N, C-alpha and C. Protein backbone atom coordinates (compact mmCIF):
# COMPACT_ATOMS: atom_id res chain seq x y z
N MET A 1 -50.36 54.06 -103.50
CA MET A 1 -49.46 55.06 -102.99
C MET A 1 -49.22 56.15 -104.03
N THR A 2 -49.12 55.78 -105.26
CA THR A 2 -48.92 56.75 -106.31
C THR A 2 -50.14 57.66 -106.43
N HIS A 3 -51.33 57.05 -106.33
CA HIS A 3 -52.57 57.84 -106.39
C HIS A 3 -52.64 58.82 -105.22
N SER A 4 -52.25 58.38 -104.02
CA SER A 4 -52.25 59.22 -102.84
C SER A 4 -51.25 60.37 -102.99
N LEU A 5 -50.08 60.08 -103.54
CA LEU A 5 -49.07 61.11 -103.76
C LEU A 5 -49.54 62.12 -104.80
N LEU A 6 -50.16 61.64 -105.85
CA LEU A 6 -50.68 62.55 -106.88
C LEU A 6 -51.79 63.43 -106.32
N THR A 7 -52.65 62.84 -105.48
CA THR A 7 -53.73 63.61 -104.87
C THR A 7 -53.16 64.70 -103.98
N ARG A 8 -52.14 64.34 -103.16
CA ARG A 8 -51.53 65.31 -102.26
C ARG A 8 -50.85 66.43 -103.07
N CYS A 9 -50.14 66.08 -104.13
CA CYS A 9 -49.48 67.08 -104.97
C CYS A 9 -50.51 67.99 -105.64
N ALA A 10 -51.61 67.41 -106.07
CA ALA A 10 -52.66 68.21 -106.71
C ALA A 10 -53.25 69.19 -105.71
N ARG A 11 -53.48 68.71 -104.47
CA ARG A 11 -54.03 69.60 -103.44
C ARG A 11 -53.05 70.72 -103.10
N GLN A 12 -51.77 70.38 -102.98
CA GLN A 12 -50.76 71.39 -102.69
C GLN A 12 -50.67 72.40 -103.83
N GLY A 13 -50.74 71.88 -105.06
CA GLY A 13 -50.70 72.76 -106.22
C GLY A 13 -51.89 73.69 -106.25
N MET A 14 -53.06 73.17 -105.92
CA MET A 14 -54.27 74.00 -105.87
C MET A 14 -54.16 75.03 -104.76
N ALA A 15 -53.59 74.63 -103.62
CA ALA A 15 -53.43 75.55 -102.50
C ALA A 15 -52.49 76.69 -102.89
N VAL A 16 -51.39 76.33 -103.54
CA VAL A 16 -50.42 77.35 -103.97
C VAL A 16 -51.09 78.28 -104.99
N ALA A 17 -51.82 77.70 -105.94
CA ALA A 17 -52.50 78.51 -106.94
C ALA A 17 -53.53 79.44 -106.29
N LEU A 18 -54.26 78.91 -105.31
CA LEU A 18 -55.25 79.72 -104.60
C LEU A 18 -54.59 80.86 -103.83
N LEU A 19 -53.48 80.56 -103.17
CA LEU A 19 -52.75 81.61 -102.44
C LEU A 19 -52.23 82.68 -103.40
N MET A 20 -51.73 82.25 -104.55
CA MET A 20 -51.23 83.23 -105.52
C MET A 20 -52.37 84.08 -106.06
N ALA A 21 -53.50 83.46 -106.32
CA ALA A 21 -54.66 84.22 -106.81
C ALA A 21 -55.11 85.22 -105.77
N CYS A 22 -55.15 84.80 -104.49
CA CYS A 22 -55.53 85.72 -103.41
C CYS A 22 -54.55 86.88 -103.32
N ALA A 23 -53.26 86.57 -103.43
CA ALA A 23 -52.25 87.63 -103.35
C ALA A 23 -52.42 88.62 -104.49
N LEU A 24 -52.70 88.12 -105.67
CA LEU A 24 -52.93 89.02 -106.82
C LEU A 24 -54.16 89.88 -106.60
N LEU A 25 -55.23 89.27 -106.10
CA LEU A 25 -56.46 90.03 -105.87
C LEU A 25 -56.25 91.10 -104.81
N VAL A 26 -55.56 90.74 -103.73
CA VAL A 26 -55.29 91.72 -102.67
C VAL A 26 -54.42 92.84 -103.22
N GLY A 27 -53.41 92.47 -104.00
CA GLY A 27 -52.54 93.49 -104.59
C GLY A 27 -53.30 94.41 -105.52
N CYS A 28 -54.17 93.86 -106.33
CA CYS A 28 -54.95 94.68 -107.25
C CYS A 28 -55.96 95.53 -106.52
N ALA A 29 -56.53 95.00 -105.44
CA ALA A 29 -57.52 95.75 -104.69
C ALA A 29 -56.89 96.95 -103.99
N SER A 30 -55.61 96.83 -103.63
CA SER A 30 -54.97 97.93 -102.92
C SER A 30 -54.48 99.02 -103.87
N LEU A 31 -54.43 98.74 -105.17
CA LEU A 31 -54.03 99.76 -106.13
C LEU A 31 -55.20 100.70 -106.38
N LYS A 32 -55.00 101.94 -106.02
CA LYS A 32 -56.05 102.93 -106.26
C LYS A 32 -55.82 103.54 -107.63
N PRO A 33 -56.90 103.83 -108.34
CA PRO A 33 -56.71 104.51 -109.62
C PRO A 33 -56.13 105.90 -109.36
N GLN A 34 -55.24 106.32 -110.24
CA GLN A 34 -54.63 107.64 -110.12
C GLN A 34 -55.69 108.72 -110.23
N ALA A 35 -55.70 109.63 -109.28
CA ALA A 35 -56.64 110.74 -109.32
C ALA A 35 -56.31 111.63 -110.53
N THR A 36 -57.33 112.16 -111.16
CA THR A 36 -57.10 113.07 -112.28
C THR A 36 -56.50 114.38 -111.75
N LEU A 37 -55.93 115.13 -112.64
CA LEU A 37 -55.40 116.43 -112.26
C LEU A 37 -56.53 117.29 -111.70
N TYR A 38 -57.68 117.22 -112.32
CA TYR A 38 -58.85 117.96 -111.84
C TYR A 38 -59.12 117.66 -110.36
N GLU A 39 -59.10 116.39 -110.01
CA GLU A 39 -59.34 116.00 -108.62
C GLU A 39 -58.21 116.49 -107.71
N ARG A 40 -56.97 116.41 -108.18
CA ARG A 40 -55.83 116.86 -107.37
C ARG A 40 -55.80 118.38 -107.20
N LEU A 41 -56.48 119.08 -108.12
CA LEU A 41 -56.61 120.54 -107.98
C LEU A 41 -57.74 120.93 -107.03
N GLY A 42 -58.48 119.95 -106.56
CA GLY A 42 -59.59 120.22 -105.64
C GLY A 42 -60.93 120.31 -106.33
N GLY A 43 -61.01 119.80 -107.56
CA GLY A 43 -62.27 119.85 -108.30
C GLY A 43 -62.64 121.28 -108.63
N GLN A 44 -63.91 121.48 -108.90
CA GLN A 44 -64.38 122.81 -109.32
C GLN A 44 -64.14 123.87 -108.24
N ALA A 45 -64.38 123.50 -106.98
CA ALA A 45 -64.18 124.46 -105.89
C ALA A 45 -62.72 124.88 -105.77
N GLY A 46 -61.80 123.92 -105.91
CA GLY A 46 -60.38 124.24 -105.84
C GLY A 46 -59.93 125.12 -107.00
N ILE A 47 -60.44 124.81 -108.18
CA ILE A 47 -60.08 125.61 -109.36
C ILE A 47 -60.62 127.02 -109.22
N GLU A 48 -61.87 127.16 -108.81
CA GLU A 48 -62.45 128.51 -108.65
C GLU A 48 -61.72 129.31 -107.59
N ALA A 49 -61.32 128.68 -106.49
CA ALA A 49 -60.56 129.38 -105.45
C ALA A 49 -59.20 129.82 -105.98
N THR A 50 -58.57 128.96 -106.76
CA THR A 50 -57.26 129.29 -107.34
C THR A 50 -57.40 130.47 -108.31
N VAL A 51 -58.41 130.42 -109.15
CA VAL A 51 -58.62 131.51 -110.13
C VAL A 51 -58.88 132.83 -109.39
N GLU A 52 -59.71 132.80 -108.37
CA GLU A 52 -59.99 134.02 -107.61
C GLU A 52 -58.71 134.56 -106.97
N ASN A 53 -57.94 133.69 -106.35
CA ASN A 53 -56.69 134.08 -105.73
C ASN A 53 -55.74 134.68 -106.78
N PHE A 54 -55.64 134.03 -107.92
CA PHE A 54 -54.80 134.48 -109.02
C PHE A 54 -55.22 135.87 -109.50
N LEU A 55 -56.52 136.09 -109.70
CA LEU A 55 -56.99 137.38 -110.20
C LEU A 55 -56.78 138.50 -109.18
N TYR A 56 -56.89 138.21 -107.90
CA TYR A 56 -56.57 139.22 -106.88
C TYR A 56 -55.09 139.60 -106.96
N ARG A 57 -54.25 138.61 -107.16
CA ARG A 57 -52.81 138.89 -107.27
C ARG A 57 -52.51 139.76 -108.50
N VAL A 58 -53.16 139.45 -109.61
CA VAL A 58 -52.97 140.24 -110.83
C VAL A 58 -53.49 141.66 -110.62
N ALA A 59 -54.63 141.79 -109.96
CA ALA A 59 -55.20 143.12 -109.70
C ALA A 59 -54.30 143.96 -108.81
N ASP A 60 -53.53 143.32 -107.94
CA ASP A 60 -52.61 144.04 -107.06
C ASP A 60 -51.25 144.30 -107.69
N ASP A 61 -51.05 143.86 -108.91
CA ASP A 61 -49.76 144.03 -109.59
C ASP A 61 -49.87 145.22 -110.54
N PRO A 62 -49.23 146.33 -110.23
CA PRO A 62 -49.36 147.53 -111.07
C PRO A 62 -48.85 147.33 -112.49
N THR A 63 -47.97 146.37 -112.70
CA THR A 63 -47.47 146.10 -114.04
C THR A 63 -48.50 145.38 -114.89
N LEU A 64 -49.34 144.56 -114.27
CA LEU A 64 -50.27 143.71 -115.03
C LEU A 64 -51.71 144.20 -115.04
N VAL A 65 -52.11 144.92 -114.03
CA VAL A 65 -53.53 145.26 -113.89
C VAL A 65 -54.06 146.02 -115.10
N GLY A 66 -53.22 146.80 -115.75
CA GLY A 66 -53.65 147.57 -116.91
C GLY A 66 -54.11 146.71 -118.09
N PHE A 67 -53.58 145.51 -118.19
CA PHE A 67 -53.99 144.61 -119.27
C PHE A 67 -55.47 144.22 -119.16
N PHE A 68 -56.02 144.36 -117.96
CA PHE A 68 -57.39 143.90 -117.70
C PHE A 68 -58.34 145.06 -117.39
N ALA A 69 -57.92 146.28 -117.72
CA ALA A 69 -58.72 147.47 -117.40
C ALA A 69 -60.10 147.44 -118.04
N HIS A 70 -60.22 146.90 -119.22
CA HIS A 70 -61.50 146.88 -119.94
C HIS A 70 -62.07 145.46 -120.03
N THR A 71 -61.77 144.66 -119.02
CA THR A 71 -62.19 143.26 -119.02
C THR A 71 -63.30 143.05 -118.01
N ASN A 72 -64.29 142.29 -118.39
CA ASN A 72 -65.33 141.86 -117.46
C ASN A 72 -64.70 140.77 -116.60
N ILE A 73 -64.35 141.12 -115.37
CA ILE A 73 -63.59 140.21 -114.51
C ILE A 73 -64.39 138.96 -114.17
N ASP A 74 -65.70 139.10 -113.97
CA ASP A 74 -66.51 137.90 -113.68
C ASP A 74 -66.47 136.93 -114.85
N ARG A 75 -66.56 137.46 -116.06
CA ARG A 75 -66.51 136.60 -117.24
C ARG A 75 -65.11 135.99 -117.41
N LEU A 76 -64.09 136.78 -117.13
CA LEU A 76 -62.72 136.26 -117.20
C LEU A 76 -62.52 135.14 -116.18
N ALA A 77 -63.00 135.34 -114.97
CA ALA A 77 -62.87 134.31 -113.93
C ALA A 77 -63.57 133.02 -114.34
N ALA A 78 -64.77 133.15 -114.87
CA ALA A 78 -65.51 131.96 -115.32
C ALA A 78 -64.79 131.27 -116.47
N SER A 79 -64.25 132.06 -117.39
CA SER A 79 -63.54 131.50 -118.54
C SER A 79 -62.26 130.78 -118.11
N LEU A 80 -61.50 131.40 -117.21
CA LEU A 80 -60.28 130.77 -116.71
C LEU A 80 -60.61 129.48 -115.97
N ALA A 81 -61.64 129.52 -115.12
CA ALA A 81 -62.02 128.31 -114.37
C ALA A 81 -62.42 127.21 -115.34
N SER A 82 -63.16 127.56 -116.36
CA SER A 82 -63.58 126.57 -117.36
C SER A 82 -62.37 126.01 -118.10
N GLN A 83 -61.44 126.87 -118.44
CA GLN A 83 -60.25 126.43 -119.16
C GLN A 83 -59.38 125.52 -118.28
N PHE A 84 -59.18 125.91 -117.03
CA PHE A 84 -58.38 125.08 -116.11
C PHE A 84 -59.06 123.74 -115.88
N CYS A 85 -60.38 123.77 -115.76
CA CYS A 85 -61.15 122.53 -115.57
C CYS A 85 -60.97 121.62 -116.78
N ALA A 86 -61.11 122.15 -117.95
CA ALA A 86 -61.01 121.34 -119.17
C ALA A 86 -59.60 120.79 -119.36
N VAL A 87 -58.59 121.62 -119.15
CA VAL A 87 -57.21 121.20 -119.37
C VAL A 87 -56.75 120.19 -118.31
N SER A 88 -57.46 120.12 -117.19
CA SER A 88 -57.08 119.20 -116.12
C SER A 88 -57.93 117.93 -116.10
N ASP A 89 -58.60 117.65 -117.21
CA ASP A 89 -59.42 116.45 -117.36
C ASP A 89 -60.68 116.48 -116.51
N GLY A 90 -61.18 117.67 -116.24
CA GLY A 90 -62.43 117.81 -115.52
C GLY A 90 -63.61 117.73 -116.47
N PRO A 91 -64.81 117.89 -115.92
CA PRO A 91 -66.02 117.73 -116.74
C PRO A 91 -66.39 118.96 -117.57
N CYS A 92 -65.55 119.97 -117.57
CA CYS A 92 -65.88 121.22 -118.26
C CYS A 92 -65.40 121.20 -119.70
N ARG A 93 -65.98 122.09 -120.45
CA ARG A 93 -65.56 122.30 -121.84
C ARG A 93 -65.29 123.79 -122.00
N TYR A 94 -64.07 124.14 -122.36
CA TYR A 94 -63.72 125.55 -122.56
C TYR A 94 -64.34 126.02 -123.86
N GLU A 95 -65.13 127.09 -123.78
CA GLU A 95 -65.79 127.62 -124.96
C GLU A 95 -65.41 129.07 -125.24
N GLY A 96 -64.33 129.52 -124.60
CA GLY A 96 -63.88 130.88 -124.81
C GLY A 96 -63.12 131.00 -126.12
N PRO A 97 -62.63 132.20 -126.40
CA PRO A 97 -61.91 132.42 -127.65
C PRO A 97 -60.56 131.71 -127.64
N PRO A 98 -60.03 131.43 -128.82
CA PRO A 98 -58.68 130.86 -128.89
C PRO A 98 -57.68 131.85 -128.27
N MET A 99 -56.61 131.34 -127.72
CA MET A 99 -55.64 132.18 -127.00
C MET A 99 -55.03 133.26 -127.89
N ASP A 100 -54.74 132.94 -129.14
CA ASP A 100 -54.13 133.97 -130.00
C ASP A 100 -55.08 135.13 -130.21
N ARG A 101 -56.34 134.85 -130.45
CA ARG A 101 -57.32 135.92 -130.67
C ARG A 101 -57.61 136.71 -129.39
N ALA A 102 -57.69 136.02 -128.28
CA ALA A 102 -58.00 136.69 -127.01
C ALA A 102 -56.89 137.66 -126.60
N HIS A 103 -55.66 137.40 -127.03
CA HIS A 103 -54.53 138.21 -126.58
C HIS A 103 -53.88 139.03 -127.70
N GLN A 104 -54.47 139.08 -128.87
CA GLN A 104 -53.80 139.66 -130.03
C GLN A 104 -53.47 141.15 -129.91
N HIS A 105 -54.23 141.91 -129.17
CA HIS A 105 -53.97 143.35 -129.08
C HIS A 105 -53.49 143.78 -127.70
N MET A 106 -53.08 142.84 -126.89
CA MET A 106 -52.72 143.17 -125.51
C MET A 106 -51.28 143.65 -125.36
N GLY A 107 -50.40 143.27 -126.25
CA GLY A 107 -49.00 143.71 -126.15
C GLY A 107 -48.24 143.06 -125.00
N ILE A 108 -48.59 141.84 -124.68
CA ILE A 108 -47.92 141.12 -123.59
C ILE A 108 -46.52 140.73 -124.06
N ASP A 109 -45.51 140.99 -123.22
CA ASP A 109 -44.17 140.52 -123.56
C ASP A 109 -43.81 139.36 -122.63
N ASP A 110 -42.64 138.79 -122.83
CA ASP A 110 -42.24 137.62 -122.04
C ASP A 110 -42.19 137.93 -120.54
N ALA A 111 -41.75 139.13 -120.18
CA ALA A 111 -41.70 139.49 -118.76
C ALA A 111 -43.11 139.52 -118.16
N ASP A 112 -44.06 140.08 -118.90
CA ASP A 112 -45.45 140.10 -118.42
C ASP A 112 -45.99 138.68 -118.29
N PHE A 113 -45.73 137.87 -119.30
CA PHE A 113 -46.20 136.49 -119.28
C PHE A 113 -45.62 135.75 -118.07
N ASN A 114 -44.32 135.94 -117.84
CA ASN A 114 -43.68 135.27 -116.71
C ASN A 114 -44.25 135.74 -115.37
N ARG A 115 -44.59 137.02 -115.27
CA ARG A 115 -45.21 137.53 -114.04
C ARG A 115 -46.57 136.87 -113.82
N LEU A 116 -47.34 136.70 -114.88
CA LEU A 116 -48.64 136.02 -114.75
C LEU A 116 -48.45 134.59 -114.27
N VAL A 117 -47.47 133.90 -114.82
CA VAL A 117 -47.20 132.52 -114.40
C VAL A 117 -46.79 132.49 -112.92
N GLU A 118 -45.95 133.44 -112.52
CA GLU A 118 -45.54 133.51 -111.11
C GLU A 118 -46.75 133.71 -110.20
N HIS A 119 -47.68 134.57 -110.61
CA HIS A 119 -48.88 134.80 -109.81
C HIS A 119 -49.77 133.56 -109.77
N LEU A 120 -49.86 132.87 -110.87
CA LEU A 120 -50.66 131.64 -110.89
C LEU A 120 -50.02 130.60 -109.97
N GLU A 121 -48.71 130.45 -110.06
CA GLU A 121 -48.03 129.47 -109.20
C GLU A 121 -48.20 129.84 -107.73
N ALA A 122 -48.12 131.13 -107.41
CA ALA A 122 -48.31 131.57 -106.02
C ALA A 122 -49.74 131.31 -105.56
N ALA A 123 -50.71 131.50 -106.43
CA ALA A 123 -52.11 131.23 -106.09
C ALA A 123 -52.31 129.74 -105.84
N LEU A 124 -51.71 128.90 -106.67
CA LEU A 124 -51.81 127.44 -106.47
C LEU A 124 -51.19 127.03 -105.14
N ARG A 125 -50.04 127.62 -104.80
CA ARG A 125 -49.42 127.33 -103.50
C ARG A 125 -50.30 127.80 -102.36
N ALA A 126 -50.86 129.00 -102.49
CA ALA A 126 -51.71 129.56 -101.43
C ALA A 126 -52.96 128.71 -101.20
N GLU A 127 -53.43 128.07 -102.26
CA GLU A 127 -54.60 127.20 -102.14
C GLU A 127 -54.21 125.77 -101.76
N GLN A 128 -52.93 125.60 -101.43
CA GLN A 128 -52.39 124.33 -100.94
C GLN A 128 -52.53 123.18 -101.95
N ILE A 129 -52.37 123.53 -103.22
CA ILE A 129 -52.36 122.52 -104.27
C ILE A 129 -50.99 121.84 -104.22
N PRO A 130 -50.96 120.51 -104.20
CA PRO A 130 -49.68 119.79 -104.12
C PRO A 130 -48.75 120.13 -105.29
N LEU A 131 -47.46 120.05 -105.03
CA LEU A 131 -46.44 120.40 -106.00
C LEU A 131 -46.63 119.67 -107.33
N GLY A 132 -46.87 118.38 -107.30
CA GLY A 132 -47.04 117.62 -108.53
C GLY A 132 -48.20 118.14 -109.36
N ALA A 133 -49.31 118.45 -108.72
CA ALA A 133 -50.48 118.98 -109.43
C ALA A 133 -50.19 120.38 -109.97
N ARG A 134 -49.49 121.20 -109.19
CA ARG A 134 -49.12 122.54 -109.67
C ARG A 134 -48.28 122.43 -110.94
N ASN A 135 -47.25 121.59 -110.88
CA ASN A 135 -46.36 121.45 -112.03
C ASN A 135 -47.09 120.88 -113.24
N GLU A 136 -47.98 119.93 -112.99
CA GLU A 136 -48.72 119.34 -114.11
C GLU A 136 -49.64 120.36 -114.77
N LEU A 137 -50.34 121.16 -113.98
CA LEU A 137 -51.21 122.19 -114.56
C LEU A 137 -50.38 123.18 -115.36
N LEU A 138 -49.30 123.68 -114.77
CA LEU A 138 -48.45 124.64 -115.49
C LEU A 138 -47.89 124.02 -116.76
N GLY A 139 -47.55 122.75 -116.72
CA GLY A 139 -47.05 122.06 -117.90
C GLY A 139 -48.10 121.95 -118.99
N ARG A 140 -49.34 121.75 -118.59
CA ARG A 140 -50.42 121.65 -119.58
C ARG A 140 -50.78 123.01 -120.17
N LEU A 141 -50.58 124.05 -119.38
CA LEU A 141 -50.87 125.40 -119.87
C LEU A 141 -49.72 125.98 -120.70
N ALA A 142 -48.51 125.51 -120.48
CA ALA A 142 -47.31 126.06 -121.13
C ALA A 142 -47.40 126.14 -122.65
N PRO A 143 -47.96 125.15 -123.34
CA PRO A 143 -48.03 125.26 -124.81
C PRO A 143 -48.85 126.45 -125.30
N MET A 144 -49.66 127.05 -124.45
CA MET A 144 -50.45 128.21 -124.84
C MET A 144 -49.59 129.45 -125.02
N HIS A 145 -48.37 129.41 -124.49
CA HIS A 145 -47.47 130.55 -124.59
C HIS A 145 -47.31 131.01 -126.03
N ALA A 146 -47.10 130.08 -126.93
CA ALA A 146 -46.89 130.44 -128.35
C ALA A 146 -48.09 131.17 -128.93
N ASP A 147 -49.30 130.73 -128.61
CA ASP A 147 -50.50 131.40 -129.12
C ASP A 147 -50.69 132.78 -128.49
N ILE A 148 -50.41 132.87 -127.19
CA ILE A 148 -50.58 134.15 -126.48
C ILE A 148 -49.59 135.18 -127.02
N MET A 149 -48.40 134.74 -127.35
CA MET A 149 -47.34 135.64 -127.80
C MET A 149 -47.29 135.82 -129.32
N ARG A 150 -48.18 135.17 -130.04
CA ARG A 150 -48.14 135.14 -131.51
C ARG A 150 -48.10 136.54 -132.13
N TYR A 151 -48.91 137.47 -131.63
CA TYR A 151 -49.00 138.79 -132.26
C TYR A 151 -48.24 139.87 -131.49
N GLN A 152 -47.42 139.49 -130.60
CA GLN A 152 -46.75 140.48 -129.75
C GLN A 152 -45.49 140.98 -130.40
């Protein structure tokens, strides 16, 4: 009788252990890895659409358009897309100039900088980028403010 009771307890223990293992596996299988910011921005196509939308907004802003009068817009668009891709954990590598050097003679003030950010945020909204991804991208770009404003 003792042997029978031990066998039954062992089987019940194994059944409980098996059920717990199954529950853990099911729980782990249902956890999806967090999408990267790059993916939440829509990948390369989403980033390029956002950059294009952003540059059209800047071009339509009489206060800002003058900053880009002597700029190759196609090269700027490619550079911005590359930078956004890199900063969002995408497969790109930004190879443009450092922010302080790129903006050293532009004379951008805080009001101009804030207008650019507003246009970028509006472009992200227009491209239907989720709020969390918008905020995360802007948060990752925010430290560049000091370099952009360094010589102003």
